[in-house]
Amino acid sequence: MSVLRLAAKSQLNVVDYFAPYNERPMSRRDGDLGSGGVMLLPDHPGPHPHEAVTGGKEGVLFVLDRDAMGRFHRDGNHVVQQLDANLRNGYYSSPAYFGGAVYYAANGAHLDRYAVHGARLSGTPVSQSDESFNYPGSTPSVSSNGEQNGIVWVVGVSGRVRGGPPAVLRAYDARDVTQELYASDQAGARDRAGPANKFSVPTIANGRVYVGTQTELDVYGLRPPAVTWRH
């Protein structure tokens, strides 16, 4: 029910923390904050130069000051920002960051792009995918050429049973996630992935995208150009 900051130069002692003011009722109804991961934002100027973002089963996003995380207060949450972003279904995944934006694919929701202005996220997504992502949502990954050509990769789960429907790898333009660039179910059996895992995260390395499934590791990359034979 808490986000902890540990002192790396000691015995990993807790030196600061954040816990929601309503952590007891949250715990009673299995609404734990720990279902979503924590992401550190890049340092920036202003009163809160070192921040972190997290969200949990309650569907609330918290922007935390890593230098003064807020601790526990019965009168409310002492944080930089709190967004009631996905109250219906909650967060079971971690966000990604690229080029001044935070990307979240919450449980039962779309891939959302939040702009970062100063120390805060935009109050609502500045763009949103047409597709939504079934339980448990998805943890996005970003590939780019430096600050250019950003692509957000997300694995969609259409079923949770053993040997069930295939995972679907989707790619979106990082500047505007309404623009889908690729989906592994577009070409029939050619690009079909194995049966989906609930918490699979796409991994990008050396121009390829790796997707772990129940039965196989699928690797995606650029197709070689077609060869035209001339007599």
C-alpha atoms as a PDB file:
ATOM      1  CA  MET A   1       0.000   0.000   0.000  1.00  0.00           C
ATOM      2  CA  SER A   2       3.026   2.328  -0.135  1.00  0.00           C
ATOM      3  CA  VAL A   3       5.760   3.665  -2.396  1.00  0.00           C
ATOM      4  CA  LEU A   4       9.103   3.504  -0.584  1.00  0.00           C
ATOM      5  CA  ARG A   5      12.380   5.340  -1.110  1.00  0.00           C
ATOM      6  CA  LEU A   6      15.342   3.303   0.104  1.00  0.00           C
ATOM      7  CA  ALA A   7      18.832   4.543   0.952  1.00  0.00           C
ATOM      8  CA  ALA A   8      21.172   2.707  -1.420  1.00  0.00           C
ATOM      9  CA  LYS A   9      24.305   3.595   0.585  1.00  0.00           C
ATOM     10  CA  SER A  10      22.975   1.981   3.771  1.00  0.00           C
ATOM     11  CA  GLN A  11      21.185  -1.297   4.457  1.00  0.00           C
ATOM     12  CA  LEU A  12      18.335  -0.197   2.159  1.00  0.00           C
ATOM     13  CA  ASN A  13      16.689   1.662   5.017  1.00  0.00           C
ATOM     14  CA  VAL A  14      13.405   3.416   4.274  1.00  0.00           C
ATOM     15  CA  VAL A  15      14.146   7.152   4.207  1.00  0.00           C
ATOM     16  CA  ASP A  16      10.822   8.385   2.774  1.00  0.00           C
ATOM     17  CA  TYR A  17       7.508   7.001   1.601  1.00  0.00           C
ATOM     18  CA  PHE A  18       3.982   7.705   0.350  1.00  0.00           C
ATOM     19  CA  ALA A  19       0.823   5.905   1.486  1.00  0.00           C
ATOM     20  CA  PRO A  20      -2.728   6.957   0.487  1.00  0.00           C
ATOM     21  CA  TYR A  21      -4.839   8.498   3.260  1.00  0.00           C
ATOM     22  CA  ASN A  22      -7.506   5.798   2.658  1.00  0.00           C
ATOM     23  CA  GLU A  23      -5.084   2.859   2.627  1.00  0.00           C
ATOM     24  CA  ARG A  24      -7.078   0.888   5.233  1.00  0.00           C
ATOM     25  CA  PRO A  25     -10.378   0.765   3.294  1.00  0.00           C
ATOM     26  CA  MET A  26      -8.394   0.213   0.092  1.00  0.00           C
ATOM     27  CA  SER A  27      -6.712  -2.803   1.698  1.00  0.00           C
ATOM     28  CA  ARG A  28     -10.013  -4.234   2.936  1.00  0.00           C
ATOM     29  CA  ARG A  29     -11.433  -4.260  -0.600  1.00  0.00           C
ATOM     30  CA  ASP A  30      -8.217  -5.490  -2.260  1.00  0.00           C
ATOM     31  CA  GLY A  31      -7.560  -2.076  -3.771  1.00  0.00           C
ATOM     32  CA  ASP A  32      -3.789  -2.172  -3.356  1.00  0.00           C
ATOM     33  CA  LEU A  33      -1.605   0.571  -4.736  1.00  0.00           C
ATOM     34  CA  GLY A  34       1.127  -1.942  -5.567  1.00  0.00           C
ATOM     35  CA  SER A  35      -0.681  -3.411  -8.584  1.00  0.00           C
ATOM     36  CA  GLY A  36       0.917  -0.697 -10.743  1.00  0.00           C
ATOM     37  CA  GLY A  37       4.633  -0.029 -11.075  1.00  0.00           C
ATOM     38  CA  VAL A  38       6.489   3.187 -10.314  1.00  0.00           C
ATOM     39  CA  MET A  39       8.222   5.227 -13.040  1.00  0.00           C
ATOM     40  CA  LEU A  40      10.772   7.994 -12.437  1.00  0.00           C
ATOM     41  CA  LEU A  41      10.332  11.085 -14.592  1.00  0.00           C
ATOM     42  CA  PRO A  42      13.372  12.862 -16.066  1.00  0.00           C
ATOM     43  CA  ASP A  43      14.685  15.722 -13.932  1.00  0.00           C
ATOM     44  CA  HIS A  44      13.277  19.140 -14.823  1.00  0.00           C
ATOM     45  CA  PRO A  45      13.404  22.713 -13.464  1.00  0.00           C
ATOM     46  CA  GLY A  46      10.885  24.020 -10.960  1.00  0.00           C
ATOM     47  CA  PRO A  47       9.784  23.337  -7.382  1.00  0.00           C
ATOM     48  CA  HIS A  48       9.611  19.540  -7.908  1.00  0.00           C
ATOM     49  CA  PRO A  49      12.599  18.618 -10.089  1.00  0.00           C
ATOM     50  CA  HIS A  50      12.628  14.923  -9.101  1.00  0.00           C
ATOM     51  CA  GLU A  51       9.318  13.133  -9.574  1.00  0.00           C
ATOM     52  CA  ALA A  52       7.769   9.690  -9.875  1.00  0.00           C
ATOM     53  CA  VAL A  53       4.427   8.494 -11.283  1.00  0.00           C
ATOM     54  CA  THR A  54       2.384   5.524 -10.091  1.00  0.00           C
ATOM     55  CA  GLY A  55      -1.171   4.168 -10.070  1.00  0.00           C
ATOM     56  CA  GLY A  56      -2.970   1.171  -8.571  1.00  0.00           C
ATOM     57  CA  LYS A  57      -6.235  -0.755  -8.419  1.00  0.00           C
ATOM     58  CA  GLU A  58      -8.211   2.315  -7.339  1.00  0.00           C
ATOM     59  CA  GLY A  59      -7.573   3.848 -10.777  1.00  0.00           C
ATOM     60  CA  VAL A  60      -5.895   6.970  -9.343  1.00  0.00           C
ATOM     61  CA  LEU A  61      -2.604   8.317 -10.699  1.00  0.00           C
ATOM     62  CA  PHE A  62      -0.183   9.976  -8.294  1.00  0.00           C
ATOM     63  CA  VAL A  63       2.667  12.312  -9.211  1.00  0.00           C
ATOM     64  CA  LEU A  64       5.107  12.194  -6.277  1.00  0.00           C
ATOM     65  CA  ASP A  65       8.011  14.450  -5.336  1.00  0.00           C
ATOM     66  CA  ARG A  66      10.861  11.994  -4.771  1.00  0.00           C
ATOM     67  CA  ASP A  67      12.523  14.453  -2.363  1.00  0.00           C
ATOM     68  CA  ALA A  68       9.380  14.809  -0.211  1.00  0.00           C
ATOM     69  CA  MET A  69       7.051  11.937  -1.080  1.00  0.00           C
ATOM     70  CA  GLY A  70       4.110  12.907   1.106  1.00  0.00           C
ATOM     71  CA  ARG A  71       4.121  10.100   3.678  1.00  0.00           C
ATOM     72  CA  PHE A  72       0.753   9.325   5.328  1.00  0.00           C
ATOM     73  CA  HIS A  73      -1.793  11.954   6.379  1.00  0.00           C
ATOM     74  CA  ARG A  74      -5.344  11.240   7.523  1.00  0.00           C
ATOM     75  CA  ASP A  75      -6.613  14.517   6.050  1.00  0.00           C
ATOM     76  CA  GLY A  76      -5.676  13.628   2.453  1.00  0.00           C
ATOM     77  CA  ASN A  77      -2.821  12.862   0.096  1.00  0.00           C
ATOM     78  CA  HIS A  78       0.049  15.355   0.206  1.00  0.00           C
ATOM     79  CA  VAL A  79       1.323  14.796  -3.332  1.00  0.00           C
ATOM     80  CA  VAL A  80       2.217  16.968  -6.316  1.00  0.00           C
ATOM     81  CA  GLN A  81      -0.804  15.773  -8.322  1.00  0.00           C
ATOM     82  CA  GLN A  82      -3.617  13.246  -8.102  1.00  0.00           C
ATOM     83  CA  LEU A  83      -5.691  12.225 -11.132  1.00  0.00           C
ATOM     84  CA  ASP A  84      -8.864  10.118 -10.980  1.00  0.00           C
ATOM     85  CA  ALA A  85      -7.916   8.636 -14.325  1.00  0.00           C
ATOM     86  CA  ASN A  86      -9.396   5.114 -14.506  1.00  0.00           C
ATOM     87  CA  LEU A  87     -11.647   4.669 -11.478  1.00  0.00           C
ATOM     88  CA  ARG A  88     -13.703   1.910 -13.081  1.00  0.00           C
ATOM     89  CA  ASN A  89     -10.939  -0.643 -13.695  1.00  0.00           C
ATOM     90  CA  GLY A  90      -7.646   0.472 -12.143  1.00  0.00           C
ATOM     91  CA  TYR A  91      -3.992   0.041 -13.104  1.00  0.00           C
ATOM     92  CA  TYR A  92      -2.157  -3.283 -13.255  1.00  0.00           C
ATOM     93  CA  SER A  93       0.786  -2.051 -15.314  1.00  0.00           C
ATOM     94  CA  SER A  94       3.618   0.468 -15.458  1.00  0.00           C
ATOM     95  CA  PRO A  95       3.782   3.577 -17.654  1.00  0.00           C
ATOM     96  CA  ALA A  96       6.382   4.633 -20.223  1.00  0.00           C
ATOM     97  CA  TYR A  97       7.895   8.053 -20.939  1.00  0.00           C
ATOM     98  CA  PHE A  98       9.072   9.698 -24.152  1.00  0.00           C
ATOM     99  CA  GLY A  99       9.477  13.262 -25.400  1.00  0.00           C
ATOM    100  CA  GLY A 100       7.555  15.064 -22.678  1.00  0.00           C
ATOM    101  CA  ALA A 101       4.706  12.568 -22.403  1.00  0.00           C
ATOM    102  CA  VAL A 102       3.648   9.671 -20.164  1.00  0.00           C
ATOM    103  CA  TYR A 103       1.930   6.625 -21.701  1.00  0.00           C
ATOM    104  CA  TYR A 104      -0.475   4.359 -19.797  1.00  0.00           C
ATOM    105  CA  ALA A 105      -2.577   1.384 -20.959  1.00  0.00           C
ATOM    106  CA  ALA A 106      -4.857   0.759 -17.985  1.00  0.00           C
ATOM    107  CA  ASN A 107      -7.088  -2.237 -17.351  1.00  0.00           C
ATOM    108  CA  GLY A 108     -10.015  -2.157 -19.799  1.00  0.00           C
ATOM    109  CA  ALA A 109      -8.960   1.239 -21.165  1.00  0.00           C
ATOM    110  CA  HIS A 110      -7.221   2.792 -24.162  1.00  0.00           C
ATOM    111  CA  LEU A 111      -3.545   3.616 -24.519  1.00  0.00           C
ATOM    112  CA  ASP A 112      -3.429   7.153 -23.097  1.00  0.00           C
ATOM    113  CA  ARG A 113      -0.823   9.825 -23.777  1.00  0.00           C
ATOM    114  CA  TYR A 114      -0.531  12.454 -21.028  1.00  0.00           C
ATOM    115  CA  ALA A 115       1.527  15.562 -21.701  1.00  0.00           C
ATOM    116  CA  VAL A 116       3.962  16.644 -18.975  1.00  0.00           C
ATOM    117  CA  HIS A 117       3.775  20.395 -18.279  1.00  0.00           C
ATOM    118  CA  GLY A 118       6.208  21.544 -15.614  1.00  0.00           C
ATOM    119  CA  ALA A 119       5.627  19.274 -12.643  1.00  0.00           C
ATOM    120  CA  ARG A 120       2.193  17.963 -13.633  1.00  0.00           C
ATOM    121  CA  LEU A 121       0.457  15.701 -16.128  1.00  0.00           C
ATOM    122  CA  SER A 122      -2.285  17.027 -18.373  1.00  0.00           C
ATOM    123  CA  GLY A 123      -5.644  16.618 -16.639  1.00  0.00           C
ATOM    124  CA  THR A 124      -6.874  14.336 -19.419  1.00  0.00           C
ATOM    125  CA  PRO A 125      -5.051  12.394 -22.162  1.00  0.00           C
ATOM    126  CA  VAL A 126      -3.938  14.557 -25.085  1.00  0.00           C
ATOM    127  CA  SER A 127      -4.393  11.556 -27.377  1.00  0.00           C
ATOM    128  CA  GLN A 128      -5.838   8.097 -26.987  1.00  0.00           C
ATOM    129  CA  SER A 129      -5.757   4.896 -29.037  1.00  0.00           C
ATOM    130  CA  ASP A 130      -8.925   3.641 -30.710  1.00  0.00           C
ATOM    131  CA  GLU A 131      -8.257   0.172 -29.261  1.00  0.00           C
ATOM    132  CA  SER A 132      -8.785  -0.653 -25.600  1.00  0.00           C
ATOM    133  CA  PHE A 133      -6.831  -3.278 -23.660  1.00  0.00           C
ATOM    134  CA  ASN A 134      -8.504  -6.083 -21.741  1.00  0.00           C
ATOM    135  CA  TYR A 135      -7.449  -7.155 -18.261  1.00  0.00           C
ATOM    136  CA  PRO A 136      -4.807  -6.482 -17.071  1.00  0.00           C
ATOM    137  CA  GLY A 137      -4.139  -3.683 -19.553  1.00  0.00           C
ATOM    138  CA  SER A 138      -0.561  -3.456 -20.785  1.00  0.00           C
ATOM    139  CA  THR A 139       2.855  -1.975 -19.988  1.00  0.00           C
ATOM    140  CA  PRO A 140       4.050   0.030 -23.023  1.00  0.00           C
ATOM    141  CA  SER A 141       7.625   0.259 -24.308  1.00  0.00           C
ATOM    142  CA  VAL A 142       9.081   2.983 -26.539  1.00  0.00           C
ATOM    143  CA  SER A 143      11.605   2.762 -29.378  1.00  0.00           C
ATOM    144  CA  SER A 144      13.104   5.808 -31.082  1.00  0.00           C
ATOM    145  CA  ASN A 145      16.074   7.254 -32.927  1.00  0.00           C
ATOM    146  CA  GLY A 146      17.162   9.631 -30.174  1.00  0.00           C
ATOM    147  CA  GLU A 147      14.339  12.158 -29.812  1.00  0.00           C
ATOM    148  CA  GLN A 148      12.947  11.317 -33.267  1.00  0.00           C
ATOM    149  CA  ASN A 149      10.646   8.648 -34.707  1.00  0.00           C
ATOM    150  CA  GLY A 150       9.195   7.523 -31.386  1.00  0.00           C
ATOM    151  CA  ILE A 151       7.030   4.383 -31.485  1.00  0.00           C
ATOM    152  CA  VAL A 152       4.974   3.094 -28.543  1.00  0.00           C
ATOM    153  CA  TRP A 153       4.699  -0.710 -28.470  1.00  0.00           C
ATOM    154  CA  VAL A 154       1.919  -2.448 -26.545  1.00  0.00           C
ATOM    155  CA  VAL A 155       0.888  -6.109 -26.222  1.00  0.00           C
ATOM    156  CA  GLY A 156      -2.862  -6.691 -26.173  1.00  0.00           C
ATOM    157  CA  VAL A 157      -4.420  -9.675 -24.405  1.00  0.00           C
ATOM    158  CA  SER A 158      -7.712 -11.014 -25.775  1.00  0.00           C
ATOM    159  CA  GLY A 159      -7.992 -13.978 -23.426  1.00  0.00           C
ATOM    160  CA  ARG A 160      -6.509 -15.359 -20.218  1.00  0.00           C
ATOM    161  CA  VAL A 161      -6.975 -19.112 -20.530  1.00  0.00           C
ATOM    162  CA  ARG A 162      -4.108 -21.504 -21.165  1.00  0.00           C
ATOM    163  CA  GLY A 163      -3.661 -21.936 -24.892  1.00  0.00           C
ATOM    164  CA  GLY A 164      -6.152 -19.120 -25.527  1.00  0.00           C
ATOM    165  CA  PRO A 165      -6.239 -16.372 -28.183  1.00  0.00           C
ATOM    166  CA  PRO A 166      -2.950 -14.988 -29.511  1.00  0.00           C
ATOM    167  CA  ALA A 167      -1.261 -11.910 -28.126  1.00  0.00           C
ATOM    168  CA  VAL A 168      -1.491  -8.862 -30.387  1.00  0.00           C
ATOM    169  CA  LEU A 169       1.533  -6.575 -30.714  1.00  0.00           C
ATOM    170  CA  ARG A 170       0.502  -3.015 -31.582  1.00  0.00           C
ATOM    171  CA  ALA A 171       2.635   0.003 -32.530  1.00  0.00           C
ATOM    172  CA  TYR A 172       1.542   3.650 -32.263  1.00  0.00           C
ATOM    173  CA  ASP A 173       3.020   6.980 -33.267  1.00  0.00           C
ATOM    174  CA  ALA A 174       4.443   8.380 -30.006  1.00  0.00           C
ATOM    175  CA  ARG A 175       3.403  11.915 -30.965  1.00  0.00           C
ATOM    176  CA  ASP A 176      -0.249  10.907 -31.462  1.00  0.00           C
ATOM    177  CA  VAL A 177      -1.408   7.480 -30.309  1.00  0.00           C
ATOM    178  CA  THR A 178      -4.599   7.743 -32.370  1.00  0.00           C
ATOM    179  CA  GLN A 179      -2.261   6.752 -35.228  1.00  0.00           C
ATOM    180  CA  GLU A 180      -1.722   2.989 -35.188  1.00  0.00           C
ATOM    181  CA  LEU A 181       1.311   2.035 -37.272  1.00  0.00           C
ATOM    182  CA  TYR A 182       1.180  -1.744 -37.048  1.00  0.00           C
ATOM    183  CA  ALA A 183      -0.708  -4.658 -35.483  1.00  0.00           C
ATOM    184  CA  SER A 184       0.382  -8.290 -35.559  1.00  0.00           C
ATOM    185  CA  ASP A 185      -3.160  -9.454 -36.414  1.00  0.00           C
ATOM    186  CA  GLN A 186      -3.298  -7.453 -39.660  1.00  0.00           C
ATOM    187  CA  ALA A 187      -1.683 -10.084 -41.889  1.00  0.00           C
ATOM    188  CA  GLY A 188      -3.407 -13.261 -40.747  1.00  0.00           C
ATOM    189  CA  ALA A 189      -1.146 -16.163 -39.832  1.00  0.00           C
ATOM    190  CA  ARG A 190       2.049 -14.471 -41.087  1.00  0.00           C
ATOM    191  CA  ASP A 191       2.600 -12.328 -37.958  1.00  0.00           C
ATOM    192  CA  ARG A 192       0.419 -14.177 -35.469  1.00  0.00           C
ATOM    193  CA  ALA A 193       1.900 -14.415 -31.968  1.00  0.00           C
ATOM    194  CA  GLY A 194       1.554 -17.283 -29.520  1.00  0.00           C
ATOM    195  CA  PRO A 195      -1.152 -17.481 -26.813  1.00  0.00           C
ATOM    196  CA  ALA A 196      -1.117 -14.340 -24.694  1.00  0.00           C
ATOM    197  CA  ASN A 197       0.422 -13.925 -21.248  1.00  0.00           C
ATOM    198  CA  LYS A 198      -1.235 -11.475 -18.867  1.00  0.00           C
ATOM    199  CA  PHE A 199       1.775  -9.311 -18.045  1.00  0.00           C
ATOM    200  CA  SER A 200       3.947  -9.564 -21.148  1.00  0.00           C
ATOM    201  CA  VAL A 201       5.999  -6.429 -21.900  1.00  0.00           C
ATOM    202  CA  PRO A 202       7.437  -5.833 -25.405  1.00  0.00           C
ATOM    203  CA  THR A 203      11.238  -5.563 -25.380  1.00  0.00           C
ATOM    204  CA  ILE A 204      13.083  -3.654 -28.115  1.00  0.00           C
ATOM    205  CA  ALA A 205      16.722  -4.265 -29.061  1.00  0.00           C
ATOM    206  CA  ASN A 206      18.783  -3.974 -32.267  1.00  0.00           C
ATOM    207  CA  GLY A 207      15.815  -3.111 -34.469  1.00  0.00           C
ATOM    208  CA  ARG A 208      13.633  -5.985 -33.276  1.00  0.00           C
ATOM    209  CA  VAL A 209      10.693  -6.308 -30.893  1.00  0.00           C
ATOM    210  CA  TYR A 210      10.480  -9.377 -28.640  1.00  0.00           C
ATOM    211  CA  VAL A 211       7.170 -10.659 -27.264  1.00  0.00           C
ATOM    212  CA  GLY A 212       6.986 -13.507 -24.764  1.00  0.00           C
ATOM    213  CA  THR A 213       3.887 -15.728 -24.966  1.00  0.00           C
ATOM    214  CA  GLN A 214       2.706 -18.908 -23.230  1.00  0.00           C
ATOM    215  CA  THR A 215       4.418 -21.183 -25.727  1.00  0.00           C
ATOM    216  CA  GLU A 216       7.096 -19.216 -27.610  1.00  0.00           C
ATOM    217  CA  LEU A 217       9.207 -16.097 -27.923  1.00  0.00           C
ATOM    218  CA  ASP A 218       8.096 -14.113 -30.988  1.00  0.00           C
ATOM    219  CA  VAL A 219      10.537 -11.722 -32.662  1.00  0.00           C
ATOM    220  CA  TYR A 220       9.356  -8.939 -34.986  1.00  0.00           C
ATOM    221  CA  GLY A 221      11.494  -6.844 -37.317  1.00  0.00           C
ATOM    222  CA  LEU A 222      11.519  -5.131 -40.678  1.00  0.00           C
ATOM    223  CA  ARG A 223      10.731  -7.429 -43.571  1.00  0.00           C
ATOM    224  CA  PRO A 224      13.410  -7.589 -46.286  1.00  0.00           C
ATOM    225  CA  PRO A 225      12.411  -5.848 -49.502  1.00  0.00           C
ATOM    226  CA  ALA A 226      10.786  -7.955 -52.181  1.00  0.00           C
ATOM    227  CA  VAL A 227      13.129  -9.154 -54.904  1.00  0.00           C
ATOM    228  CA  THR A 228      12.099  -8.598 -58.511  1.00  0.00           C
ATOM    229  CA  TRP A 229      13.680 -10.986 -61.026  1.00  0.00           C
ATOM    230  CA  ARG A 230      14.290  -9.730 -64.533  1.00  0.00           C
ATOM    231  CA  HIS A 231      15.268 -11.903 -67.480  1.00  0.00           C
END
